[in-house]
Each structure stands twice: as structure tokens, then as C-alpha cells.
PDB file of N, CA and C in Angstrom:
ATOM      1  N   MET A   1      47.055 -35.923  34.587  1.00  0.00           N
ATOM      2  CA  MET A   1      46.405 -35.106  33.587  1.00  0.00           C
ATOM      3  C   MET A   1      44.932 -35.472  33.470  1.00  0.00           C
ATOM      4  N   VAL A   2      44.599 -36.765  33.479  1.00  0.00           N
ATOM      5  CA  VAL A   2      43.212 -37.200  33.360  1.00  0.00           C
ATOM      6  C   VAL A   2      42.401 -36.708  34.544  1.00  0.00           C
ATOM      7  N   ALA A   3      42.968 -36.772  35.741  1.00  0.00           N
ATOM      8  CA  ALA A   3      42.256 -36.306  36.932  1.00  0.00           C
ATOM      9  C   ALA A   3      41.984 -34.806  36.844  1.00  0.00           C
ATOM     10  N   THR A   4      42.916 -34.059  36.268  1.00  0.00           N
ATOM     11  CA  THR A   4      42.727 -32.616  36.116  1.00  0.00           C
ATOM     12  C   THR A   4      41.585 -32.319  35.161  1.00  0.00           C
ATOM     13  N   MET A   5      41.511 -33.043  34.063  1.00  0.00           N
ATOM     14  CA  MET A   5      40.453 -32.794  33.077  1.00  0.00           C
ATOM     15  C   MET A   5      39.093 -33.261  33.570  1.00  0.00           C
ATOM     16  N   ALA A   6      39.052 -34.176  34.544  1.00  0.00           N
ATOM     17  CA  ALA A   6      37.788 -34.643  35.093  1.00  0.00           C
ATOM     18  C   ALA A   6      37.128 -33.560  35.943  1.00  0.00           C
ATOM     19  N   LYS A   7      37.930 -32.629  36.446  1.00  0.00           N
ATOM     20  CA  LYS A   7      37.387 -31.517  37.220  1.00  0.00           C
ATOM     21  C   LYS A   7      36.857 -30.449  36.261  1.00  0.00           C
ATOM     22  N   ARG A   8      36.118 -29.513  36.808  1.00  0.00           N
ATOM     23  CA  ARG A   8      35.595 -28.415  35.992  1.00  0.00           C
ATOM     24  C   ARG A   8      36.720 -27.526  35.514  1.00  0.00           C
ATOM     25  N   PRO A   9      36.609 -27.024  34.278  1.00  0.00           N
ATOM     26  CA  PRO A   9      37.610 -26.068  33.814  1.00  0.00           C
ATOM     27  C   PRO A   9      37.399 -24.711  34.478  1.00  0.00           C
ATOM     28  N   ILE A  10      38.405 -23.869  34.374  1.00  0.00           N
ATOM     29  CA  ILE A  10      38.243 -22.482  34.804  1.00  0.00           C
ATOM     30  C   ILE A  10      37.109 -21.907  33.964  1.00  0.00           C
ATOM     31  N   THR A  11      36.275 -21.072  34.540  1.00  0.00           N
ATOM     32  CA  THR A  11      35.086 -20.597  33.834  1.00  0.00           C
ATOM     33  C   THR A  11      35.402 -19.715  32.629  1.00  0.00           C
ATOM     34  N   ILE A  12      36.627 -19.234  32.517  1.00  0.00           N
ATOM     35  CA  ILE A  12      36.993 -18.400  31.374  1.00  0.00           C
ATOM     36  C   ILE A  12      37.353 -19.308  30.202  1.00  0.00           C
ATOM     37  N   VAL A  13      36.580 -19.231  29.144  1.00  0.00           N
ATOM     38  CA  VAL A  13      36.844 -19.968  27.915  1.00  0.00           C
ATOM     39  C   VAL A  13      37.083 -18.923  26.842  1.00  0.00           C
ATOM     40  N   GLN A  14      38.240 -18.998  26.196  1.00  0.00           N
ATOM     41  CA  GLN A  14      38.631 -18.000  25.213  1.00  0.00           C
ATOM     42  C   GLN A  14      38.269 -18.478  23.805  1.00  0.00           C
ATOM     43  N   PRO A  15      37.320 -17.808  23.109  1.00  0.00           N
ATOM     44  CA  PRO A  15      37.030 -18.180  21.716  1.00  0.00           C
ATOM     45  C   PRO A  15      37.998 -17.460  20.766  1.00  0.00           C
ATOM     46  N   TYR A  16      38.281 -18.081  19.640  1.00  0.00           N
ATOM     47  CA  TYR A  16      39.161 -17.506  18.627  1.00  0.00           C
ATOM     48  C   TYR A  16      38.500 -17.604  17.260  1.00  0.00           C
ATOM     49  N   THR A  17      38.709 -16.601  16.418  1.00  0.00           N
ATOM     50  CA  THR A  17      38.272 -16.694  15.023  1.00  0.00           C
ATOM     51  C   THR A  17      39.391 -17.229  14.150  1.00  0.00           C
ATOM     52  N   ARG A  18      40.640 -17.200  14.670  1.00  0.00           N
ATOM     53  CA  ARG A  18      41.783 -17.809  14.000  1.00  0.00           C
ATOM     54  C   ARG A  18      42.744 -18.308  15.063  1.00  0.00           C
ATOM     55  N   TYR A  19      43.522 -19.330  14.692  1.00  0.00           N
ATOM     56  CA  TYR A  19      44.466 -19.900  15.644  1.00  0.00           C
ATOM     57  C   TYR A  19      45.640 -20.480  14.871  1.00  0.00           C
ATOM     58  N   LYS A  20      46.846 -20.268  15.382  1.00  0.00           N
ATOM     59  CA  LYS A  20      48.058 -20.737  14.718  1.00  0.00           C
ATOM     60  C   LYS A  20      48.662 -21.894  15.508  1.00  0.00           C
ATOM     61  N   VAL A  21      48.876 -23.031  14.822  1.00  0.00           N
ATOM     62  CA  VAL A  21      49.437 -24.227  15.437  1.00  0.00           C
ATOM     63  C   VAL A  21      50.591 -24.713  14.561  1.00  0.00           C
ATOM     64  N   HIS A  22      51.772 -24.833  15.134  1.00  0.00           N
ATOM     65  CA  HIS A  22      52.956 -25.338  14.430  1.00  0.00           C
ATOM     66  C   HIS A  22      53.176 -24.627  13.097  1.00  0.00           C
ATOM     67  N   GLY A  23      52.980 -23.327  13.065  1.00  0.00           N
ATOM     68  CA  GLY A  23      53.218 -22.541  11.857  1.00  0.00           C
ATOM     69  C   GLY A  23      52.067 -22.534  10.870  1.00  0.00           C
ATOM     70  N   VAL A  24      50.991 -23.247  11.150  1.00  0.00           N
ATOM     71  CA  VAL A  24      49.818 -23.286  10.275  1.00  0.00           C
ATOM     72  C   VAL A  24      48.705 -22.487  10.921  1.00  0.00           C
ATOM     73  N   GLN A  25      48.150 -21.553  10.165  1.00  0.00           N
ATOM     74  CA  GLN A  25      47.087 -20.707  10.701  1.00  0.00           C
ATOM     75  C   GLN A  25      45.737 -21.199  10.205  1.00  0.00           C
ATOM     76  N   PHE A  26      44.802 -21.378  11.121  1.00  0.00           N
ATOM     77  CA  PHE A  26      43.449 -21.825  10.813  1.00  0.00           C
ATOM     78  C   PHE A  26      42.478 -20.675  11.056  1.00  0.00           C
ATOM     79  N   HIS A  27      41.524 -20.505  10.157  1.00  0.00           N
ATOM     80  CA  HIS A  27      40.441 -19.545  10.338  1.00  0.00           C
ATOM     81  C   HIS A  27      39.144 -20.322  10.471  1.00  0.00           C
ATOM     82  N   ASN A  28      38.217 -19.796  11.266  1.00  0.00           N
ATOM     83  CA  ASN A  28      36.918 -20.463  11.315  1.00  0.00           C
ATOM     84  C   ASN A  28      36.121 -20.080  10.067  1.00  0.00           C
ATOM     85  N   ARG A  29      35.004 -20.752   9.853  1.00  0.00           N
ATOM     86  CA  ARG A  29      34.212 -20.580   8.628  1.00  0.00           C
ATOM     87  C   ARG A  29      33.747 -19.143   8.442  1.00  0.00           C
ATOM     88  N   ILE A  30      33.307 -18.485   9.497  1.00  0.00           N
ATOM     89  CA  ILE A  30      32.786 -17.121   9.394  1.00  0.00           C
ATOM     90  C   ILE A  30      33.892 -16.146   9.014  1.00  0.00           C
ATOM     91  N   ARG A  31      35.062 -16.270   9.636  1.00  0.00           N
ATOM     92  CA  ARG A  31      36.182 -15.384   9.298  1.00  0.00           C
ATOM     93  C   ARG A  31      36.679 -15.645   7.877  1.00  0.00           C
ATOM     94  N   SER A  32      36.692 -16.905   7.469  1.00  0.00           N
ATOM     95  CA  SER A  32      37.175 -17.265   6.143  1.00  0.00           C
ATOM     96  C   SER A  32      36.235 -16.782   5.042  1.00  0.00           C
ATOM     97  N   ALA A  33      34.964 -16.633   5.355  1.00  0.00           N
ATOM     98  CA  ALA A  33      33.997 -16.170   4.357  1.00  0.00           C
ATOM     99  C   ALA A  33      34.286 -14.748   3.904  1.00  0.00           C
ATOM    100  N   ASN A  34      34.940 -13.953   4.723  1.00  0.00           N
ATOM    101  CA  ASN A  34      35.222 -12.560   4.396  1.00  0.00           C
ATOM    102  C   ASN A  34      36.596 -12.354   3.772  1.00  0.00           C
ATOM    103  N   THR A  35      37.279 -13.428   3.390  1.00  0.00           N
ATOM    104  CA  THR A  35      38.615 -13.311   2.813  1.00  0.00           C
ATOM    105  C   THR A  35      38.653 -13.925   1.418  1.00  0.00           C
ATOM    106  N   LYS A  36      39.706 -13.621   0.673  1.00  0.00           N
ATOM    107  CA  LYS A  36      39.874 -14.180  -0.667  1.00  0.00           C
ATOM    108  C   LYS A  36      40.341 -15.624  -0.620  1.00  0.00           C
ATOM    109  N   ILE A  37      41.051 -15.997   0.439  1.00  0.00           N
ATOM    110  CA  ILE A  37      41.567 -17.354   0.583  1.00  0.00           C
ATOM    111  C   ILE A  37      40.696 -18.113   1.576  1.00  0.00           C
ATOM    112  N   TYR A  38      40.177 -19.248   1.142  1.00  0.00           N
ATOM    113  CA  TYR A  38      39.316 -20.081   1.984  1.00  0.00           C
ATOM    114  C   TYR A  38      40.206 -20.989   2.814  1.00  0.00           C
ATOM    115  N   SER A  39      40.416 -20.639   4.083  1.00  0.00           N
ATOM    116  CA  SER A  39      41.371 -21.374   4.906  1.00  0.00           C
ATOM    117  C   SER A  39      40.727 -21.984   6.149  1.00  0.00           C
ATOM    118  N   CYS A  40      39.514 -22.492   6.013  1.00  0.00           N
ATOM    119  CA  CYS A  40      38.866 -23.108   7.166  1.00  0.00           C
ATOM    120  C   CYS A  40      38.684 -24.609   6.981  1.00  0.00           C
ATOM    121  N   SER A  41      39.285 -25.174   5.950  1.00  0.00           N
ATOM    122  CA  SER A  41      39.186 -26.611   5.712  1.00  0.00           C
ATOM    123  C   SER A  41      40.134 -27.377   6.626  1.00  0.00           C
ATOM    124  N   VAL A  42      39.693 -28.550   7.059  1.00  0.00           N
ATOM    125  CA  VAL A  42      40.473 -29.382   7.974  1.00  0.00           C
ATOM    126  C   VAL A  42      40.530 -30.793   7.398  1.00  0.00           C
ATOM    127  N   LEU A  43      41.701 -31.421   7.494  1.00  0.00           N
ATOM    128  CA  LEU A  43      41.883 -32.807   7.062  1.00  0.00           C
ATOM    129  C   LEU A  43      42.530 -33.582   8.190  1.00  0.00           C
ATOM    130  N   VAL A  44      41.945 -34.714   8.541  1.00  0.00           N
ATOM    131  CA  VAL A  44      42.534 -35.622   9.523  1.00  0.00           C
ATOM    132  C   VAL A  44      42.818 -36.922   8.779  1.00  0.00           C
ATOM    133  N   LYS A  45      44.111 -37.267   8.673  1.00  0.00           N
ATOM    134  CA  LYS A  45      44.512 -38.481   7.974  1.00  0.00           C
ATOM    135  C   LYS A  45      44.148 -39.693   8.826  1.00  0.00           C
ATOM    136  N   GLY A  46      43.419 -40.624   8.220  1.00  0.00           N
ATOM    137  CA  GLY A  46      43.045 -41.839   8.919  1.00  0.00           C
ATOM    138  C   GLY A  46      44.073 -42.928   8.706  1.00  0.00           C
ATOM    139  N   THR A  47      44.320 -43.709   9.714  1.00  0.00           N
ATOM    140  CA  THR A  47      45.239 -44.839   9.591  1.00  0.00           C
ATOM    141  C   THR A  47      44.606 -46.063  10.221  1.00  0.00           C
ATOM    142  N   ARG A  48      44.983 -47.186   9.696  1.00  0.00           N
ATOM    143  CA  ARG A  48      44.566 -48.460  10.288  1.00  0.00           C
ATOM    144  C   ARG A  48      45.771 -49.077  10.955  1.00  0.00           C
ATOM    145  N   GLU A  49      45.506 -49.859  11.934  1.00  0.00           N
ATOM    146  CA  GLU A  49      46.602 -50.523  12.640  1.00  0.00           C
ATOM    147  C   GLU A  49      47.309 -51.496  11.701  1.00  0.00           C
ATOM    148  N   GLY A  50      48.635 -51.350  11.569  1.00  0.00           N
ATOM    149  CA  GLY A  50      49.412 -52.266  10.757  1.00  0.00           C
ATOM    150  C   GLY A  50      49.742 -51.776   9.363  1.00  0.00           C
ATOM    151  N   ASP A  51      48.985 -50.805   8.833  1.00  0.00           N
ATOM    152  CA  ASP A  51      49.326 -50.255   7.519  1.00  0.00           C
ATOM    153  C   ASP A  51      49.016 -48.762   7.472  1.00  0.00           C
ATOM    154  N   ASN A  52      49.346 -48.117   6.385  1.00  0.00           N
ATOM    155  CA  ASN A  52      49.163 -46.666   6.263  1.00  0.00           C
ATOM    156  C   ASN A  52      47.860 -46.284   5.577  1.00  0.00           C
ATOM    157  N   SER A  53      47.042 -47.256   5.170  1.00  0.00           N
ATOM    158  CA  SER A  53      45.778 -46.927   4.529  1.00  0.00           C
ATOM    159  C   SER A  53      44.726 -46.637   5.595  1.00  0.00           C
ATOM    160  N   GLY A  54      43.703 -45.968   5.208  1.00  0.00           N
ATOM    161  CA  GLY A  54      42.630 -45.657   6.137  1.00  0.00           C
ATOM    162  C   GLY A  54      41.709 -44.614   5.541  1.00  0.00           C
ATOM    163  N   VAL A  55      40.676 -44.271   6.239  1.00  0.00           N
ATOM    164  CA  VAL A  55      39.713 -43.284   5.775  1.00  0.00           C
ATOM    165  C   VAL A  55      40.156 -41.910   6.254  1.00  0.00           C
ATOM    166  N   ASP A  56      40.269 -40.967   5.323  1.00  0.00           N
ATOM    167  CA  ASP A  56      40.585 -39.588   5.672  1.00  0.00           C
ATOM    168  C   ASP A  56      39.286 -38.847   5.971  1.00  0.00           C
ATOM    169  N   TYR A  57      39.341 -37.941   6.935  1.00  0.00           N
ATOM    170  CA  TYR A  57      38.165 -37.168   7.323  1.00  0.00           C
ATOM    171  C   TYR A  57      38.365 -35.712   6.939  1.00  0.00           C
ATOM    172  N   TYR A  58      37.382 -35.134   6.244  1.00  0.00           N
ATOM    173  CA  TYR A  58      37.430 -33.761   5.804  1.00  0.00           C
ATOM    174  C   TYR A  58      36.366 -32.968   6.542  1.00  0.00           C
ATOM    175  N   GLY A  59      36.677 -31.717   6.861  1.00  0.00           N
ATOM    176  CA  GLY A  59      35.704 -30.904   7.574  1.00  0.00           C
ATOM    177  C   GLY A  59      35.937 -29.425   7.394  1.00  0.00           C
ATOM    178  N   VAL A  60      35.044 -28.661   7.971  1.00  0.00           N
ATOM    179  CA  VAL A  60      35.110 -27.204   7.971  1.00  0.00           C
ATOM    180  C   VAL A  60      35.182 -26.759   9.423  1.00  0.00           C
ATOM    181  N   LEU A  61      36.148 -25.917   9.732  1.00  0.00           N
ATOM    182  CA  LEU A  61      36.348 -25.434  11.097  1.00  0.00           C
ATOM    183  C   LEU A  61      35.273 -24.410  11.440  1.00  0.00           C
ATOM    184  N   GLU A  62      34.463 -24.727  12.440  1.00  0.00           N
ATOM    185  CA  GLU A  62      33.371 -23.848  12.853  1.00  0.00           C
ATOM    186  C   GLU A  62      33.771 -22.954  14.019  1.00  0.00           C
ATOM    187  N   GLU A  63      34.493 -23.523  14.996  1.00  0.00           N
ATOM    188  CA  GLU A  63      34.790 -22.764  16.213  1.00  0.00           C
ATOM    189  C   GLU A  63      36.081 -23.270  16.845  1.00  0.00           C
ATOM    190  N   VAL A  64      36.846 -22.344  17.436  1.00  0.00           N
ATOM    191  CA  VAL A  64      38.072 -22.684  18.155  1.00  0.00           C
ATOM    192  C   VAL A  64      37.940 -22.137  19.573  1.00  0.00           C
ATOM    193  N   LEU A  65      38.133 -23.003  20.569  1.00  0.00           N
ATOM    194  CA  LEU A  65      38.037 -22.597  21.980  1.00  0.00           C
ATOM    195  C   LEU A  65      39.295 -23.018  22.713  1.00  0.00           C
ATOM    196  N   ARG A  66      39.766 -22.155  23.611  1.00  0.00           N
ATOM    197  CA  ARG A  66      40.865 -22.526  24.503  1.00  0.00           C
ATOM    198  C   ARG A  66      40.298 -22.631  25.907  1.00  0.00           C
ATOM    199  N   VAL A  67      40.476 -23.809  26.506  1.00  0.00           N
ATOM    200  CA  VAL A  67      39.958 -24.107  27.840  1.00  0.00           C
ATOM    201  C   VAL A  67      41.152 -24.238  28.778  1.00  0.00           C
ATOM    202  N   GLU A  68      41.025 -23.687  29.985  1.00  0.00           N
ATOM    203  CA  GLU A  68      42.095 -23.764  30.972  1.00  0.00           C
ATOM    204  C   GLU A  68      41.616 -24.522  32.205  1.00  0.00           C
ATOM    205  N   TYR A  69      42.524 -25.347  32.747  1.00  0.00           N
ATOM    206  CA  TYR A  69      42.252 -26.102  33.967  1.00  0.00           C
ATOM    207  C   TYR A  69      43.264 -25.702  35.027  1.00  0.00           C
ATOM    208  N   LEU A  70      42.810 -25.686  36.276  1.00  0.00           N
ATOM    209  CA  LEU A  70      43.704 -25.363  37.381  1.00  0.00           C
ATOM    210  C   LEU A  70      44.708 -26.479  37.595  1.00  0.00           C
ATOM    211  N   GLY A  71      45.823 -26.132  38.172  1.00  0.00           N
ATOM    212  CA  GLY A  71      46.873 -27.095  38.465  1.00  0.00           C
ATOM    213  C   GLY A  71      48.214 -26.403  38.359  1.00  0.00           C
ATOM    214  N   GLU A  72      49.249 -27.107  38.666  1.00  0.00           N
ATOM    215  CA  GLU A  72      50.600 -26.560  38.561  1.00  0.00           C
ATOM    216  C   GLU A  72      51.353 -27.269  37.462  1.00  0.00           C
ATOM    217  N   PRO A  73      51.659 -26.653  36.383  1.00  0.00           N
ATOM    218  CA  PRO A  73      51.213 -25.346  35.912  1.00  0.00           C
ATOM    219  C   PRO A  73      49.781 -25.428  35.376  1.00  0.00           C
ATOM    220  N   ILE A  74      49.195 -24.261  35.061  1.00  0.00           N
ATOM    221  CA  ILE A  74      47.847 -24.230  34.476  1.00  0.00           C
ATOM    222  C   ILE A  74      47.899 -24.946  33.131  1.00  0.00           C
ATOM    223  N   LYS A  75      46.949 -25.821  32.901  1.00  0.00           N
ATOM    224  CA  LYS A  75      46.910 -26.590  31.659  1.00  0.00           C
ATOM    225  C   LYS A  75      45.923 -25.946  30.695  1.00  0.00           C
ATOM    226  N   ARG A  76      46.393 -25.719  29.464  1.00  0.00           N
ATOM    227  CA  ARG A  76      45.559 -25.107  28.428  1.00  0.00           C
ATOM    228  C   ARG A  76      45.361 -26.111  27.295  1.00  0.00           C
ATOM    229  N   TYR A  77      44.111 -26.251  26.861  1.00  0.00           N
ATOM    230  CA  TYR A  77      43.772 -27.152  25.762  1.00  0.00           C
ATOM    231  C   TYR A  77      43.009 -26.354  24.718  1.00  0.00           C
ATOM    232  N   VAL A  78      43.316 -26.612  23.459  1.00  0.00           N
ATOM    233  CA  VAL A  78      42.635 -25.946  22.351  1.00  0.00           C
ATOM    234  C   VAL A  78      41.712 -26.967  21.702  1.00  0.00           C
ATOM    235  N   LEU A  79      40.442 -26.611  21.567  1.00  0.00           N
ATOM    236  CA  LEU A  79      39.428 -27.491  21.001  1.00  0.00           C
ATOM    237  C   LEU A  79      38.963 -26.939  19.657  1.00  0.00           C
ATOM    238  N   PHE A  80      38.957 -27.782  18.644  1.00  0.00           N
ATOM    239  CA  PHE A  80      38.471 -27.401  17.324  1.00  0.00           C
ATOM    240  C   PHE A  80      37.119 -28.073  17.111  1.00  0.00           C
ATOM    241  N   LEU A  81      36.072 -27.298  16.898  1.00  0.00           N
ATOM    242  CA  LEU A  81      34.755 -27.830  16.571  1.00  0.00           C
ATOM    243  C   LEU A  81      34.626 -27.786  15.054  1.00  0.00           C
ATOM    244  N   CYS A  82      34.445 -28.953  14.446  1.00  0.00           N
ATOM    245  CA  CYS A  82      34.394 -29.042  12.991  1.00  0.00           C
ATOM    246  C   CYS A  82      33.075 -29.653  12.540  1.00  0.00           C
ATOM    247  N   ASP A  83      32.639 -29.244  11.361  1.00  0.00           N
ATOM    248  CA  ASP A  83      31.504 -29.855  10.690  1.00  0.00           C
ATOM    249  C   ASP A  83      32.109 -30.843   9.693  1.00  0.00           C
ATOM    250  N   TRP A  84      31.969 -32.154   9.958  1.00  0.00           N
ATOM    251  CA  TRP A  84      32.677 -33.171   9.196  1.00  0.00           C
ATOM    252  C   TRP A  84      31.903 -33.618   7.972  1.00  0.00           C
ATOM    253  N   PHE A  85      32.647 -33.906   6.916  1.00  0.00           N
ATOM    254  CA  PHE A  85      32.111 -34.446   5.672  1.00  0.00           C
ATOM    255  C   PHE A  85      32.299 -35.951   5.692  1.00  0.00           C
ATOM    256  N   ASN A  86      31.292 -36.703   5.298  1.00  0.00           N
ATOM    257  CA  ASN A  86      31.355 -38.159   5.296  1.00  0.00           C
ATOM    258  C   ASN A  86      32.002 -38.637   3.994  1.00  0.00           C
ATOM    259  N   PRO A  87      33.263 -39.119   4.044  1.00  0.00           N
ATOM    260  CA  PRO A  87      33.914 -39.547   2.802  1.00  0.00           C
ATOM    261  C   PRO A  87      33.354 -40.839   2.216  1.00  0.00           C
ATOM    262  N   ALA A  88      32.562 -41.592   2.981  1.00  0.00           N
ATOM    263  CA  ALA A  88      31.963 -42.826   2.459  1.00  0.00           C
ATOM    264  C   ALA A  88      30.921 -42.503   1.399  1.00  0.00           C
ATOM    265  N   ASN A  89      30.269 -41.358   1.513  1.00  0.00           N
ATOM    266  CA  ASN A  89      29.287 -40.915   0.533  1.00  0.00           C
ATOM    267  C   ASN A  89      29.951 -39.850  -0.330  1.00  0.00           C
ATOM    268  N   ALA A  90      30.601 -40.254  -1.399  1.00  0.00           N
ATOM    269  CA  ALA A  90      31.410 -39.334  -2.214  1.00  0.00           C
ATOM    270  C   ALA A  90      30.614 -38.597  -3.270  1.00  0.00           C
ATOM    271  N   ARG A  91      29.310 -38.579  -3.159  1.00  0.00           N
ATOM    272  CA  ARG A  91      28.468 -37.886  -4.133  1.00  0.00           C
ATOM    273  C   ARG A  91      28.751 -36.391  -4.093  1.00  0.00           C
ATOM    274  N   GLY A  92      29.052 -35.821  -5.215  1.00  0.00           N
ATOM    275  CA  GLY A  92      29.294 -34.390  -5.304  1.00  0.00           C
ATOM    276  C   GLY A  92      30.697 -33.995  -4.909  1.00  0.00           C
ATOM    277  N   MET A  93      31.566 -34.970  -4.626  1.00  0.00           N
ATOM    278  CA  MET A  93      32.945 -34.655  -4.236  1.00  0.00           C
ATOM    279  C   MET A  93      33.803 -34.503  -5.473  1.00  0.00           C
ATOM    280  N   ARG A  94      34.614 -33.443  -5.491  1.00  0.00           N
ATOM    281  CA  ARG A  94      35.494 -33.190  -6.638  1.00  0.00           C
ATOM    282  C   ARG A  94      36.926 -33.439  -6.242  1.00  0.00           C
ATOM    283  N   TYR A  95      37.678 -34.043  -7.145  1.00  0.00           N
ATOM    284  CA  TYR A  95      39.101 -34.294  -6.908  1.00  0.00           C
ATOM    285  C   TYR A  95      39.923 -33.363  -7.786  1.00  0.00           C
TER     286      TYR A  95
END
């Protein structure tokens, strides 16, 4: 798999304004701006080795791309480009 990703991807890159993963639908920021429900927020739970505590990362989904690589079978990867919020600087953050 690593050797496949080291090569160039197929030149066709598919952009998405929304993408569904494991039953959860994500919208990018531009698509979410035109709806009543703001669904472009992203949370990545942080963990430390040995315990369940850690720093959580919050962001806004800007762009979703699907990249394909040649091989048997063709490998498809979905990339989420996010604008991340720094949780260490909690100024202006509401709970």
C-alpha cells in the first residue's frame, strides 16, 4: 500500500461538497452556509499513550477530495481538508 501511494495518483481527483462516512454525512463550509443546519464541524478525539485523556482537535471542513491510485484493485482514498481550531488558546470558546 505504501509503495502504491508513493507513486502519482490517477490525474482524476473527485471533489465533493458533501460526503457520507459510516452513516454520518459531512458538508463542507460553503455548502453548510446555505442550510439551516451547520454540519461542517469536525472533531478528532485526542488520546495519549496509556490513558484516555488528551487534547481534542476541533475544525471546520473546507474541502473533501477523493484520490485514486492504480493497482489491483484500484485504491481510493478520501481526504478531508480542515481549518483547525487551536484548543490550547480557549479565548472566545463557548461550552
